[in-house]
Amino acid sequence: MTNIVRTPRKALGGITEAEKVVLDAHAAKWTTNALRTDPVDPDRLVPAIKSLYAAADMKAPRVVIVPSPVVMAFAGGFAAAILWARKNNAKALRDGLAFGSATGAATYAATYAATEAATGAATYAATDAATYAATEAATRAATRAATDAATYAATEAATEAATRAATYAATYAATEAATGAATYAATEAATRAATYAATDERFASLALAIGAEFGANPVFMLRCASNWSRMYQGGNMWSAWACYLAAFRDVIGLVLPEHEKFSAWESCAIEGGFRVMHEEFCIVSDRPEIIKIDAENRPHCENGPSHRWRDGWALYHWHGVSIPGEWVTGNPPSAKDALTWPNIEQRRAACEIVGWANILRELDARVIDEDGDPEIGTLVEAHIPDSGPERFLVVRCGTGRQFALPVPREMKTAIQSNAWTYGLNPAEFTPEVRT
């Protein structure tokens, strides 16, 4: 059983005002850490990574620093694939003869089984074991509410969540393109290839070149890259979790033998960004050079990227919604696109970017019916090029955002249209807050 040394104090069912001040300052420190945009310092990062492996009783890895998470994901997947193929003399994979379940098992082995010790042991030994078993439920709940929740709310949308989603999209698209070319009909492969971004095509081409040089099948390499999340940790973008764990030591005064191991994990959260961990290597992304957020801490920029890394990889968001970069860099959507965009959240963003006054003017829209309650909305009709007259319900949701919802042309009133979106008729419809 763990020996616990702690400063004597009453277990907290809540927190006092004085304690709240201390906890707020602690949360602010880690919030700042999550939103850092300065370059990583190799002289500080490399020792931190090696100390984390040492905490997990693993040999020191080769540490590689790359300019962005998307490079990290592809490089980590490629390296894991090459090392697995070499270790297992995987001739079938190198020659491109094994697909389906065999390749899936190999991908899992290359990206997860080989790294489970590095991620699982290092994280659990350095964090969970050092805190959960030793803290009362009431204290844990109060501390988390004041630290993790505060930091998470201030940072998550603009850091880990946005970066993870964009990296997933880039690696998945490249993998699908390569898999399609290798396994599907030429027509489908060509159609897919035409839809993928240039960045993804570059990485697919790179997989071909590296595979030829190192004797690994490029499709297998790309599949490993698309599974980068099996071996990643969030670095400074997991600051909310580090904030919570560090509070037991720095705020509550809990001292544990395991804190030496936690300090290694904490240092990695301070000194670097996203990372993939393998028993042979650790590839760490630099922090972004730009992070822009709105008043609600959502990623947002009206005239450029919300995130940009030093290699030029960029993300674009409008009040937390991922959007095509061209919408805010000189080529905004047309009124038609804004009203008919298939993704409803992006449609709302497009309408806000174009502006409702511009949309109604450009399409010569007319108001059919306007309800006094903005959450019931305004029914408008606009002439859509190549489509003809279409009707839309312009409605405000409970969060204050405005949406344009396409409704059937036979809709006559705003409340009839609103009821229709719920599958009801107006007599059955009792308006509630739309979210």
Protein backbone atom coordinates (compact mmCIF):
# COMPACT_ATOMS: atom_id res chain seq x y z
CA MET A 1 0.00 0.00 0.00
CA THR A 2 1.29 3.48 -0.85
CA ASN A 3 2.70 5.45 2.08
CA ILE A 4 1.11 8.88 2.05
CA VAL A 5 2.69 11.98 3.54
CA ARG A 6 0.47 15.03 3.52
CA THR A 7 -0.06 18.31 5.23
CA PRO A 8 -2.82 17.79 7.83
CA ARG A 9 -6.03 19.48 6.75
CA LYS A 10 -9.75 18.92 6.73
CA ALA A 11 -11.17 17.03 3.75
CA LEU A 12 -13.03 19.54 1.63
CA GLY A 13 -16.68 19.08 0.81
CA GLY A 14 -16.35 22.38 -1.02
CA ILE A 15 -13.85 25.23 -1.12
CA THR A 16 -13.53 28.48 0.82
CA GLU A 17 -13.09 31.88 -0.82
CA ALA A 18 -9.39 31.91 0.07
CA GLU A 19 -8.93 28.46 -1.41
CA LYS A 20 -10.82 29.53 -4.52
CA VAL A 21 -8.36 32.38 -5.09
CA VAL A 22 -5.44 29.96 -4.92
CA LEU A 23 -7.14 27.43 -7.16
CA ASP A 24 -8.11 30.10 -9.69
CA ALA A 25 -4.48 31.21 -9.91
CA HIS A 26 -3.39 27.60 -10.36
CA ALA A 27 -5.93 27.09 -13.15
CA ALA A 28 -4.85 30.33 -14.84
CA LYS A 29 -1.23 29.16 -14.85
CA TRP A 30 -2.15 25.99 -16.71
CA THR A 31 -4.57 27.78 -19.01
CA THR A 32 -1.68 29.98 -20.10
CA ASN A 33 0.44 26.87 -20.64
CA ALA A 34 -2.22 25.31 -22.90
CA LEU A 35 -2.35 28.40 -25.11
CA ARG A 36 1.41 28.91 -25.51
CA THR A 37 2.71 29.85 -28.94
CA ASP A 38 6.44 30.10 -28.32
CA PRO A 39 8.69 27.48 -30.00
CA VAL A 40 9.67 24.43 -27.98
CA ASP A 41 13.19 24.43 -26.56
CA PRO A 42 14.97 21.15 -27.44
CA ASP A 43 17.38 21.58 -24.52
CA ARG A 44 14.42 21.42 -22.13
CA LEU A 45 12.09 19.12 -24.04
CA VAL A 46 14.44 16.22 -24.80
CA PRO A 47 15.47 15.63 -21.15
CA ALA A 48 11.80 15.82 -20.13
CA ILE A 49 10.82 13.12 -22.64
CA LYS A 50 13.67 10.87 -21.60
CA SER A 51 12.74 11.29 -17.94
CA LEU A 52 9.18 10.19 -18.75
CA TYR A 53 10.45 7.00 -20.37
CA ALA A 54 12.70 6.43 -17.38
CA ALA A 55 9.66 6.80 -15.09
CA ALA A 56 8.08 3.94 -17.04
CA ASP A 57 11.29 1.84 -16.74
CA MET A 58 11.88 2.09 -20.47
CA LYS A 59 15.05 2.83 -22.37
CA ALA A 60 15.63 6.36 -23.58
CA PRO A 61 13.99 6.87 -26.98
CA ARG A 62 15.22 8.78 -29.98
CA VAL A 63 13.48 12.16 -29.61
CA VAL A 64 12.51 13.97 -32.80
CA ILE A 65 10.94 17.44 -32.84
CA VAL A 66 8.73 18.26 -35.83
CA PRO A 67 7.00 21.50 -36.82
CA SER A 68 3.33 20.48 -36.57
CA PRO A 69 0.98 17.72 -35.36
CA VAL A 70 0.19 16.60 -38.91
CA VAL A 71 3.89 15.96 -39.56
CA MET A 72 4.08 14.19 -36.19
CA ALA A 73 1.19 11.88 -37.13
CA PHE A 74 2.58 10.89 -40.50
CA ALA A 75 6.17 10.58 -39.31
CA GLY A 76 5.12 8.54 -36.30
CA GLY A 77 2.97 6.21 -38.38
CA PHE A 78 5.64 5.78 -41.05
CA ALA A 79 8.36 5.07 -38.49
CA ALA A 80 6.18 2.60 -36.57
CA ALA A 81 5.35 0.78 -39.82
CA ILE A 82 8.98 0.54 -40.94
CA LEU A 83 10.18 -0.70 -37.56
CA TRP A 84 7.40 -3.27 -37.35
CA ALA A 85 8.09 -4.54 -40.87
CA ARG A 86 11.80 -4.89 -40.14
CA LYS A 87 11.23 -6.62 -36.82
CA ASN A 88 8.73 -9.08 -38.27
CA ASN A 89 10.37 -9.54 -41.67
CA ALA A 90 6.97 -8.68 -43.13
CA LYS A 91 7.69 -9.48 -46.76
CA ALA A 92 4.02 -9.73 -47.68
CA LEU A 93 3.38 -6.23 -46.43
CA ARG A 94 6.50 -4.87 -48.08
CA ASP A 95 5.47 -6.39 -51.37
CA GLY A 96 1.90 -5.10 -51.04
CA LEU A 97 0.31 -8.55 -51.02
CA ALA A 98 -1.41 -8.50 -47.61
CA PHE A 99 -4.50 -6.41 -47.05
CA GLY A 100 -7.70 -6.66 -45.02
CA SER A 101 -7.59 -8.32 -41.62
CA ALA A 102 -3.91 -9.23 -41.81
CA THR A 103 -2.91 -5.65 -42.49
CA GLY A 104 -5.30 -4.41 -39.81
CA ALA A 105 -3.73 -6.66 -37.20
CA ALA A 106 -0.26 -5.56 -38.24
CA THR A 107 -1.29 -1.90 -38.11
CA TYR A 108 -2.64 -2.38 -34.60
CA ALA A 109 0.54 -4.13 -33.53
CA ALA A 110 2.76 -1.47 -35.04
CA THR A 111 0.97 1.51 -33.55
CA TYR A 112 -0.48 0.22 -30.30
CA ALA A 113 1.04 -2.99 -28.99
CA ALA A 114 4.58 -1.66 -29.35
CA THR A 115 3.71 1.58 -27.58
CA GLU A 116 1.31 0.46 -24.87
CA ALA A 117 4.11 0.34 -22.32
CA ALA A 118 5.35 3.78 -23.25
CA THR A 119 1.94 5.45 -23.06
CA GLY A 120 0.10 3.32 -20.52
CA ALA A 121 2.86 2.72 -18.00
CA ALA A 122 4.29 6.22 -18.18
CA THR A 123 0.90 7.87 -17.83
CA TYR A 124 -0.59 5.62 -15.16
CA ALA A 125 2.51 5.30 -13.00
CA ALA A 126 3.13 9.02 -13.13
CA THR A 127 -0.43 10.26 -12.67
CA ASP A 128 -3.33 8.04 -11.61
CA ALA A 129 -1.44 6.00 -9.05
CA ALA A 130 -0.01 9.17 -7.58
CA THR A 131 -3.37 10.77 -6.88
CA TYR A 132 -6.61 8.81 -7.16
CA ALA A 133 -5.93 6.18 -4.55
CA ALA A 134 -4.75 8.76 -2.06
CA THR A 135 -7.43 11.45 -2.17
CA GLU A 136 -10.92 11.70 -0.69
CA ALA A 137 -13.83 11.86 -3.11
CA ALA A 138 -15.02 15.21 -1.78
CA THR A 139 -11.61 16.81 -2.12
CA ARG A 140 -11.13 15.32 -5.57
CA ALA A 141 -14.47 16.66 -6.79
CA ALA A 142 -13.91 20.16 -5.42
CA THR A 143 -10.39 20.31 -6.81
CA ARG A 144 -11.40 19.12 -10.23
CA ALA A 145 -14.25 21.59 -10.44
CA ALA A 146 -11.92 24.47 -9.62
CA THR A 147 -8.93 23.44 -11.74
CA ASP A 148 -9.51 20.92 -14.50
CA ALA A 149 -12.96 22.25 -15.39
CA ALA A 150 -11.81 25.86 -15.47
CA THR A 151 -8.75 25.15 -17.58
CA TYR A 152 -10.66 22.74 -19.84
CA ALA A 153 -13.38 25.28 -20.51
CA ALA A 154 -10.83 27.96 -21.31
CA THR A 155 -8.66 25.89 -23.61
CA GLU A 156 -10.09 22.62 -24.91
CA ALA A 157 -12.03 23.87 -27.92
CA ALA A 158 -9.12 25.95 -29.17
CA THR A 159 -6.29 23.52 -28.51
CA GLU A 160 -6.54 19.74 -28.18
CA ALA A 161 -9.97 19.23 -29.72
CA ALA A 162 -9.35 21.38 -32.81
CA THR A 163 -5.86 20.02 -33.38
CA ARG A 164 -6.89 16.41 -32.92
CA ALA A 165 -9.82 16.74 -35.33
CA ALA A 166 -7.72 18.37 -38.05
CA THR A 167 -4.92 15.82 -37.69
CA TYR A 168 -7.43 12.97 -37.91
CA ALA A 169 -8.88 14.48 -41.08
CA ALA A 170 -5.49 14.89 -42.75
CA THR A 171 -4.21 11.40 -41.96
CA TYR A 172 -7.50 9.68 -42.76
CA ALA A 173 -7.83 11.43 -46.10
CA ALA A 174 -4.33 10.46 -47.19
CA THR A 175 -4.86 6.87 -46.10
CA GLU A 176 -8.17 6.61 -47.90
CA ALA A 177 -6.60 8.01 -51.07
CA ALA A 178 -3.77 5.49 -51.02
CA THR A 179 -6.01 2.57 -50.06
CA GLY A 180 -8.45 3.49 -52.79
CA ALA A 181 -5.72 3.57 -55.40
CA ALA A 182 -4.46 0.16 -54.31
CA THR A 183 -7.68 -1.73 -53.82
CA TYR A 184 -10.54 -0.12 -55.76
CA ALA A 185 -11.42 0.45 -59.37
CA ALA A 186 -9.41 3.08 -61.22
CA THR A 187 -12.45 5.32 -61.64
CA GLU A 188 -13.21 5.45 -57.95
CA ALA A 189 -9.57 5.98 -57.08
CA ALA A 190 -9.37 8.90 -59.49
CA THR A 191 -12.55 10.42 -58.05
CA ARG A 192 -11.21 10.15 -54.53
CA ALA A 193 -7.83 11.54 -55.48
CA ALA A 194 -9.49 14.59 -57.01
CA THR A 195 -11.23 15.44 -53.76
CA TYR A 196 -8.30 15.30 -51.36
CA ALA A 197 -6.26 18.31 -50.35
CA ALA A 198 -2.78 18.88 -51.71
CA THR A 199 -1.27 18.34 -48.27
CA ASP A 200 -2.69 14.84 -48.07
CA GLU A 201 -1.51 14.02 -51.57
CA ARG A 202 2.01 15.15 -50.64
CA PHE A 203 2.06 12.79 -47.70
CA ALA A 204 0.72 9.95 -49.83
CA SER A 205 3.51 10.60 -52.34
CA LEU A 206 6.02 10.74 -49.50
CA ALA A 207 4.84 7.33 -48.28
CA LEU A 208 5.56 5.90 -51.72
CA ALA A 209 9.07 7.33 -51.74
CA ILE A 210 9.91 6.29 -48.16
CA GLY A 211 8.36 2.86 -48.66
CA ALA A 212 10.52 2.27 -51.71
CA GLU A 213 13.63 3.32 -49.79
CA PHE A 214 13.00 1.40 -46.58
CA GLY A 215 11.13 -1.63 -47.88
CA ALA A 216 7.72 -0.95 -46.31
CA ASN A 217 4.38 -0.97 -48.09
CA PRO A 218 3.15 2.64 -48.44
CA VAL A 219 -0.50 1.75 -47.84
CA PHE A 220 0.46 0.01 -44.61
CA MET A 221 2.52 3.07 -43.64
CA LEU A 222 -0.40 5.38 -44.26
CA ARG A 223 -2.75 3.12 -42.32
CA CYS A 224 -0.37 3.30 -39.39
CA ALA A 225 -0.31 7.09 -39.76
CA SER A 226 -4.12 7.20 -39.67
CA ASN A 227 -3.93 5.34 -36.35
CA TRP A 228 -1.56 7.87 -34.78
CA SER A 229 -4.03 8.47 -31.94
CA ARG A 230 -3.25 5.03 -30.50
CA MET A 231 0.15 6.29 -29.45
CA TYR A 232 -0.31 10.00 -28.81
CA GLN A 233 -0.42 12.24 -25.79
CA GLY A 234 -1.49 15.88 -25.82
CA GLY A 235 1.51 17.63 -24.30
CA ASN A 236 0.68 21.18 -23.30
CA MET A 237 -2.75 20.77 -24.88
CA TRP A 238 -3.61 18.36 -22.06
CA SER A 239 -2.96 21.12 -19.55
CA ALA A 240 -6.38 20.70 -17.93
CA TRP A 241 -5.44 17.21 -16.78
CA ALA A 242 -2.00 18.32 -15.61
CA CYS A 243 -3.63 21.23 -13.80
CA TYR A 244 -5.91 18.90 -11.86
CA LEU A 245 -3.18 16.47 -10.89
CA ALA A 246 -0.66 19.14 -9.93
CA ALA A 247 -3.22 20.84 -7.69
CA PHE A 248 -3.03 17.99 -5.18
CA ARG A 249 0.64 18.65 -4.70
CA ASP A 250 0.85 22.41 -5.23
CA VAL A 251 -2.42 23.59 -3.69
CA ILE A 252 -3.67 20.93 -1.29
CA GLY A 253 -0.22 19.95 -0.04
CA LEU A 254 -0.37 16.23 -0.77
CA VAL A 255 3.13 14.75 -0.99
CA LEU A 256 3.56 11.27 -2.49
CA PRO A 257 6.55 9.13 -3.38
CA GLU A 258 5.16 8.86 -6.92
CA HIS A 259 5.36 12.61 -7.47
CA GLU A 260 8.85 12.19 -8.87
CA LYS A 261 7.32 10.19 -11.72
CA PHE A 262 4.48 12.67 -12.10
CA SER A 263 7.04 15.46 -12.39
CA ALA A 264 8.39 13.81 -15.54
CA TRP A 265 4.93 13.75 -17.14
CA GLU A 266 4.31 17.32 -15.95
CA SER A 267 7.55 18.52 -17.52
CA CYS A 268 6.53 17.04 -20.86
CA ALA A 269 3.20 18.88 -20.60
CA ILE A 270 5.08 22.13 -20.07
CA GLU A 271 7.92 21.74 -22.55
CA GLY A 272 6.22 20.30 -25.65
CA GLY A 273 3.09 19.91 -27.71
CA PHE A 274 1.40 16.80 -29.13
CA ARG A 275 3.61 13.71 -29.14
CA VAL A 276 3.53 10.11 -30.35
CA MET A 277 5.33 7.63 -28.11
CA HIS A 278 6.93 4.42 -29.32
CA GLU A 279 9.31 2.09 -27.55
CA GLU A 280 12.05 3.23 -29.97
CA PHE A 281 11.20 6.87 -30.58
CA CYS A 282 9.16 9.83 -29.43
CA ILE A 283 8.11 12.40 -32.03
CA VAL A 284 7.02 15.74 -30.54
CA SER A 285 5.24 18.55 -32.33
CA ASP A 286 6.18 22.16 -31.91
CA ARG A 287 3.53 24.45 -30.47
CA PRO A 288 1.50 26.56 -32.90
CA GLU A 289 2.71 30.08 -33.60
CA ILE A 290 -0.87 31.38 -33.70
CA ILE A 291 -3.93 30.52 -31.61
CA LYS A 292 -6.89 32.87 -31.85
CA ILE A 293 -10.09 32.51 -29.84
CA ASP A 294 -13.35 34.39 -29.32
CA ALA A 295 -14.83 35.70 -26.08
CA GLU A 296 -16.11 32.20 -25.25
CA ASN A 297 -12.68 30.59 -25.74
CA ARG A 298 -13.68 28.93 -29.01
CA PRO A 299 -11.21 28.93 -31.90
CA HIS A 300 -12.09 31.86 -34.14
CA CYS A 301 -10.57 34.28 -36.61
CA GLU A 302 -12.40 36.48 -39.08
CA ASN A 303 -9.53 37.17 -41.49
CA GLY A 304 -7.13 34.23 -41.34
CA PRO A 305 -6.26 31.00 -39.54
CA SER A 306 -7.33 30.37 -35.97
CA HIS A 307 -4.26 28.13 -35.64
CA ARG A 308 -1.03 28.10 -37.60
CA TRP A 309 2.13 26.12 -37.06
CA ARG A 310 5.56 27.19 -38.22
CA ASP A 311 5.55 24.89 -41.25
CA GLY A 312 2.43 26.64 -42.56
CA TRP A 313 -0.13 24.02 -41.52
CA ALA A 314 -3.20 26.01 -40.53
CA LEU A 315 -6.73 25.53 -39.22
CA TYR A 316 -9.64 27.88 -39.78
CA HIS A 317 -12.57 28.30 -37.42
CA TRP A 318 -15.57 30.55 -37.06
CA HIS A 319 -16.71 30.70 -33.44
CA GLY A 320 -15.62 27.11 -32.85
CA VAL A 321 -16.78 25.68 -36.20
CA SER A 322 -14.15 24.35 -38.58
CA ILE A 323 -14.53 26.08 -41.96
CA PRO A 324 -12.77 26.16 -45.34
CA GLY A 325 -9.89 28.61 -45.08
CA GLU A 326 -10.90 30.46 -48.24
CA TRP A 327 -14.05 31.69 -46.52
CA VAL A 328 -12.00 34.13 -44.42
CA THR A 329 -9.04 34.72 -46.73
CA GLY A 330 -10.61 36.49 -49.68
CA ASN A 331 -13.13 34.06 -51.18
CA PRO A 332 -16.22 34.03 -48.95
CA PRO A 333 -19.10 31.71 -49.78
CA SER A 334 -21.83 32.94 -52.08
CA ALA A 335 -25.30 33.53 -50.72
CA LYS A 336 -26.42 30.33 -52.44
CA ASP A 337 -23.62 28.31 -50.83
CA ALA A 338 -24.33 29.87 -47.45
CA LEU A 339 -27.97 28.79 -47.54
CA THR A 340 -27.46 25.33 -49.02
CA TRP A 341 -24.18 24.18 -47.44
CA PRO A 342 -24.78 20.56 -46.31
CA ASN A 343 -23.21 20.81 -42.84
CA ILE A 344 -25.62 22.81 -40.71
CA GLU A 345 -22.97 24.25 -38.38
CA GLN A 346 -20.82 25.34 -41.31
CA ARG A 347 -23.97 26.69 -42.99
CA ARG A 348 -24.60 28.88 -39.96
CA ALA A 349 -20.99 30.09 -40.05
CA ALA A 350 -21.25 30.79 -43.78
CA CYS A 351 -24.42 32.82 -43.27
CA GLU A 352 -22.73 34.85 -40.53
CA ILE A 353 -19.66 35.44 -42.72
CA VAL A 354 -21.74 36.58 -45.70
CA GLY A 355 -24.16 38.46 -43.46
CA TRP A 356 -27.92 38.07 -43.51
CA ALA A 357 -28.46 41.49 -45.00
CA ASN A 358 -26.17 40.58 -47.90
CA ILE A 359 -27.80 37.18 -48.38
CA LEU A 360 -31.29 38.59 -48.48
CA ARG A 361 -30.20 41.40 -50.80
CA GLU A 362 -28.14 39.17 -53.13
CA LEU A 363 -30.91 36.63 -53.53
CA ASP A 364 -33.72 39.19 -53.45
CA ALA A 365 -35.25 37.22 -50.59
CA ARG A 366 -38.62 38.15 -49.22
CA VAL A 367 -40.07 37.59 -45.78
CA ILE A 368 -43.06 35.23 -45.80
CA ASP A 369 -43.77 35.30 -42.07
CA GLU A 370 -41.95 36.69 -39.04
CA ASP A 371 -42.68 35.50 -35.51
CA GLY A 372 -42.08 37.81 -32.60
CA ASP A 373 -40.00 35.11 -30.91
CA PRO A 374 -36.58 34.83 -32.63
CA GLU A 375 -36.34 31.21 -31.45
CA ILE A 376 -39.40 30.45 -33.56
CA GLY A 377 -37.88 32.49 -36.36
CA THR A 378 -38.59 34.16 -39.66
CA LEU A 379 -39.73 32.31 -42.77
CA VAL A 380 -38.09 33.68 -45.92
CA GLU A 381 -38.14 32.73 -49.57
CA ALA A 382 -35.09 33.16 -51.77
CA HIS A 383 -34.48 32.37 -55.42
CA ILE A 384 -31.54 29.96 -55.53
CA PRO A 385 -29.66 29.87 -58.86
CA ASP A 386 -30.23 26.60 -60.74
CA SER A 387 -32.85 25.59 -58.17
CA GLY A 388 -35.62 28.18 -58.10
CA PRO A 389 -37.52 29.54 -55.12
CA GLU A 390 -36.65 27.88 -51.82
CA ARG A 391 -37.86 28.60 -48.33
CA PHE A 392 -35.72 28.87 -45.21
CA LEU A 393 -36.45 29.34 -41.55
CA VAL A 394 -34.05 31.86 -40.06
CA VAL A 395 -34.02 30.98 -36.37
CA ARG A 396 -31.96 31.77 -33.29
CA CYS A 397 -31.01 28.86 -31.04
CA GLY A 398 -30.73 28.86 -27.26
CA THR A 399 -27.01 29.67 -27.46
CA GLY A 400 -27.71 32.90 -29.38
CA ARG A 401 -26.48 31.57 -32.73
CA GLN A 402 -28.53 32.08 -35.88
CA PHE A 403 -29.31 29.24 -38.30
CA ALA A 404 -30.89 28.96 -41.72
CA LEU A 405 -32.92 25.77 -41.95
CA PRO A 406 -34.30 24.69 -45.34
CA VAL A 407 -38.01 23.88 -45.14
CA PRO A 408 -40.56 22.66 -47.71
CA ARG A 409 -41.94 25.23 -50.11
CA GLU A 410 -45.47 24.66 -48.83
CA MET A 411 -44.60 26.12 -45.40
CA LYS A 412 -46.70 29.26 -44.77
CA THR A 413 -45.68 30.47 -41.31
CA ALA A 414 -42.60 30.53 -39.14
CA ILE A 415 -44.19 28.43 -36.40
CA GLN A 416 -45.41 25.85 -38.96
CA SER A 417 -41.84 25.66 -40.30
CA ASN A 418 -40.34 25.35 -36.84
CA ALA A 419 -42.78 22.57 -35.93
CA TRP A 420 -41.93 20.78 -39.20
CA THR A 421 -38.22 20.63 -38.24
CA TYR A 422 -39.28 18.54 -35.23
CA GLY A 423 -41.66 16.34 -37.25
CA LEU A 424 -44.74 17.94 -35.67
CA ASN A 425 -47.70 19.96 -36.84
CA PRO A 426 -48.29 23.42 -35.34
CA ALA A 427 -51.13 22.20 -33.10
CA GLU A 428 -48.76 19.72 -31.41
CA PHE A 429 -45.84 22.12 -31.20
CA THR A 430 -44.88 23.67 -27.89
CA PRO A 431 -41.77 25.81 -28.51
CA GLU A 432 -38.73 24.97 -26.41
CA VAL A 433 -35.16 26.18 -26.54
CA ARG A 434 -33.43 24.88 -29.67
CA THR A 435 -29.77 23.93 -29.13
